[in-house]
C-alpha atoms as a PDB file:
ATOM      1  CA  HIS A   1       5.190 -85.424 -49.585  1.00  0.00           C
ATOM      2  CA  PRO A   2       1.396 -84.479 -49.112  1.00  0.00           C
ATOM      3  CA  ASN A   3       0.428 -86.738 -51.775  1.00  0.00           C
ATOM      4  CA  PHE A   4       2.178 -89.525 -50.160  1.00  0.00           C
ATOM      5  CA  ILE A   5       0.565 -88.844 -46.889  1.00  0.00           C
ATOM      6  CA  ARG A   6      -2.920 -88.553 -48.346  1.00  0.00           C
ATOM      7  CA  TRP A   7      -2.573 -92.024 -50.222  1.00  0.00           C
ATOM      8  CA  SER A   8      -0.838 -93.857 -47.348  1.00  0.00           C
ATOM      9  CA  ILE A   9      -3.628 -93.032 -45.081  1.00  0.00           C
ATOM     10  CA  CYS A  10      -6.285 -94.420 -47.399  1.00  0.00           C
ATOM     11  CA  ASN A  11      -6.571 -98.293 -46.659  1.00  0.00           C
ATOM     12  CA  GLY A  12     -10.161 -99.078 -47.532  1.00  0.00           C
ATOM     13  CA  ASN A  13     -11.782 -99.733 -50.685  1.00  0.00           C
ATOM     14  CA  LYS A  14     -15.364 -98.427 -51.843  1.00  0.00           C
ATOM     15  CA  PRO A  15     -17.436-100.813 -49.881  1.00  0.00           C
ATOM     16  CA  ARG A  16     -15.367-100.973 -46.703  1.00  0.00           C
ATOM     17  CA  VAL A  17     -15.582 -97.146 -46.274  1.00  0.00           C
ATOM     18  CA  LEU A  18     -19.409 -97.351 -46.923  1.00  0.00           C
ATOM     19  CA  PHE A  19     -19.752 -99.703 -44.094  1.00  0.00           C
ATOM     20  CA  VAL A  20     -17.784 -97.826 -41.781  1.00  0.00           C
ATOM     21  CA  ARG A  21     -19.739 -94.735 -42.690  1.00  0.00           C
ATOM     22  CA  GLY A  22     -23.025 -96.967 -42.068  1.00  0.00           C
ATOM     23  CA  LEU A  23     -21.280 -97.336 -38.494  1.00  0.00           C
ATOM     24  CA  GLY A  24     -20.596 -93.717 -38.049  1.00  0.00           C
ATOM     25  CA  ILE A  25     -24.340 -92.994 -38.761  1.00  0.00           C
ATOM     26  CA  GLN A  26     -25.636 -95.663 -36.531  1.00  0.00           C
ATOM     27  CA  GLY A  27     -23.495 -94.409 -33.709  1.00  0.00           C
ATOM     28  CA  ILE A  28     -24.753 -90.865 -33.973  1.00  0.00           C
ATOM     29  CA  ALA A  29     -28.316 -92.302 -34.095  1.00  0.00           C
ATOM     30  CA  ILE A  30     -27.606 -94.209 -30.974  1.00  0.00           C
ATOM     31  CA  GLY A  31     -26.283 -91.129 -29.376  1.00  0.00           C
ATOM     32  CA  PHE A  32     -29.701 -89.390 -29.912  1.00  0.00           C
ATOM     33  CA  VAL A  33     -31.642 -92.153 -28.866  1.00  0.00           C
ATOM     34  CA  VAL A  34     -29.562 -92.238 -25.559  1.00  0.00           C
ATOM     35  CA  ALA A  35     -29.820 -88.489 -25.295  1.00  0.00           C
ATOM     36  CA  THR A  36     -33.486 -88.579 -25.784  1.00  0.00           C
ATOM     37  CA  VAL A  37     -34.087 -91.459 -23.109  1.00  0.00           C
ATOM     38  CA  LEU A  38     -31.837 -89.797 -20.725  1.00  0.00           C
ATOM     39  CA  THR A  39     -33.760 -86.651 -21.116  1.00  0.00           C
ATOM     40  CA  LEU A  40     -37.250 -87.804 -20.768  1.00  0.00           C
ATOM     41  CA  SER A  41     -36.493 -90.049 -17.807  1.00  0.00           C
ATOM     42  CA  HIS A  42     -35.949 -88.865 -14.284  1.00  0.00           C
ATOM     43  CA  VAL A  43     -32.188 -89.343 -13.903  1.00  0.00           C
ATOM     44  CA  PRO A  44     -29.884 -86.549 -12.995  1.00  0.00           C
ATOM     45  CA  ARG A  45     -28.439 -84.284 -15.851  1.00  0.00           C
ATOM     46  CA  TRP A  46     -25.001 -85.259 -15.667  1.00  0.00           C
ATOM     47  CA  TYR A  47     -25.982 -88.753 -17.115  1.00  0.00           C
ATOM     48  CA  ARG A  48     -26.533 -87.276 -20.287  1.00  0.00           C
ATOM     49  CA  VAL A  49     -22.847 -86.965 -21.038  1.00  0.00           C
ATOM     50  CA  PHE A  50     -23.023 -90.572 -22.051  1.00  0.00           C
ATOM     51  CA  ALA A  51     -24.649 -89.649 -25.149  1.00  0.00           C
ATOM     52  CA  PHE A  52     -21.358 -87.753 -26.101  1.00  0.00           C
ATOM     53  CA  ILE A  53     -19.508 -91.109 -26.090  1.00  0.00           C
ATOM     54  CA  PHE A  54     -21.689 -92.235 -28.995  1.00  0.00           C
ATOM     55  CA  TRP A  55     -21.683 -88.873 -30.786  1.00  0.00           C
ATOM     56  CA  PHE A  56     -17.897 -88.695 -30.662  1.00  0.00           C
ATOM     57  CA  ILE A  57     -17.518 -92.313 -31.907  1.00  0.00           C
ATOM     58  CA  GLY A  58     -19.893 -91.544 -34.787  1.00  0.00           C
ATOM     59  CA  PHE A  59     -18.433 -88.252 -35.964  1.00  0.00           C
ATOM     60  CA  SER A  60     -15.000 -89.293 -35.781  1.00  0.00           C
ATOM     61  CA  THR A  61     -15.808 -92.624 -37.940  1.00  0.00           C
ATOM     62  CA  ILE A  62     -17.546 -90.469 -40.477  1.00  0.00           C
ATOM     63  CA  ILE A  63     -14.561 -88.011 -40.891  1.00  0.00           C
ATOM     64  CA  ALA A  64     -12.293 -90.931 -40.981  1.00  0.00           C
ATOM     65  CA  ALA A  65     -14.464 -92.610 -43.617  1.00  0.00           C
ATOM     66  CA  TYR A  66     -14.621 -89.325 -45.606  1.00  0.00           C
ATOM     67  CA  LYS A  67     -10.925 -89.373 -45.496  1.00  0.00           C
ATOM     68  CA  GLY A  68     -10.786 -92.797 -47.100  1.00  0.00           C
ATOM     69  CA  LEU A  69      -9.651 -94.593 -43.686  1.00  0.00           C
ATOM     70  CA  CYS A  70     -11.107 -97.751 -42.692  1.00  0.00           C
ATOM     71  CA  LEU A  71     -11.129 -97.935 -38.874  1.00  0.00           C
ATOM     72  CA  ILE A  72     -11.845-101.544 -38.880  1.00  0.00           C
ATOM     73  CA  LEU A  73      -8.369-102.245 -40.856  1.00  0.00           C
ATOM     74  CA  HIS A  74      -6.680 -99.464 -38.836  1.00  0.00           C
ATOM     75  CA  THR A  75      -7.575-101.049 -35.549  1.00  0.00           C
ATOM     76  CA  ALA A  76      -6.503-104.355 -36.794  1.00  0.00           C
ATOM     77  CA  ARG A  77      -3.222-102.846 -37.857  1.00  0.00           C
ATOM     78  CA  CYS A  78      -3.791-104.327 -41.516  1.00  0.00           C
ATOM     79  CA  ARG A  79      -2.856-102.690 -44.702  1.00  0.00           C
END
């Protein structure tokens, strides 16, 4: 049963998983840029929360790619 679940979740081949990892790293980098710009600007502090959105997307994408799940195929409901 655990092996079936592990192998049924993995839907991406190596190039797709590497591409999704790159997207995750890019999301994290965009989060850092947004956080830096919002920290150095004169906007109120609570606007810095918007950087968390990019960090969450980036880290969750990297974790999914580590497990072998291609989020692009998963959201398109392809196998």
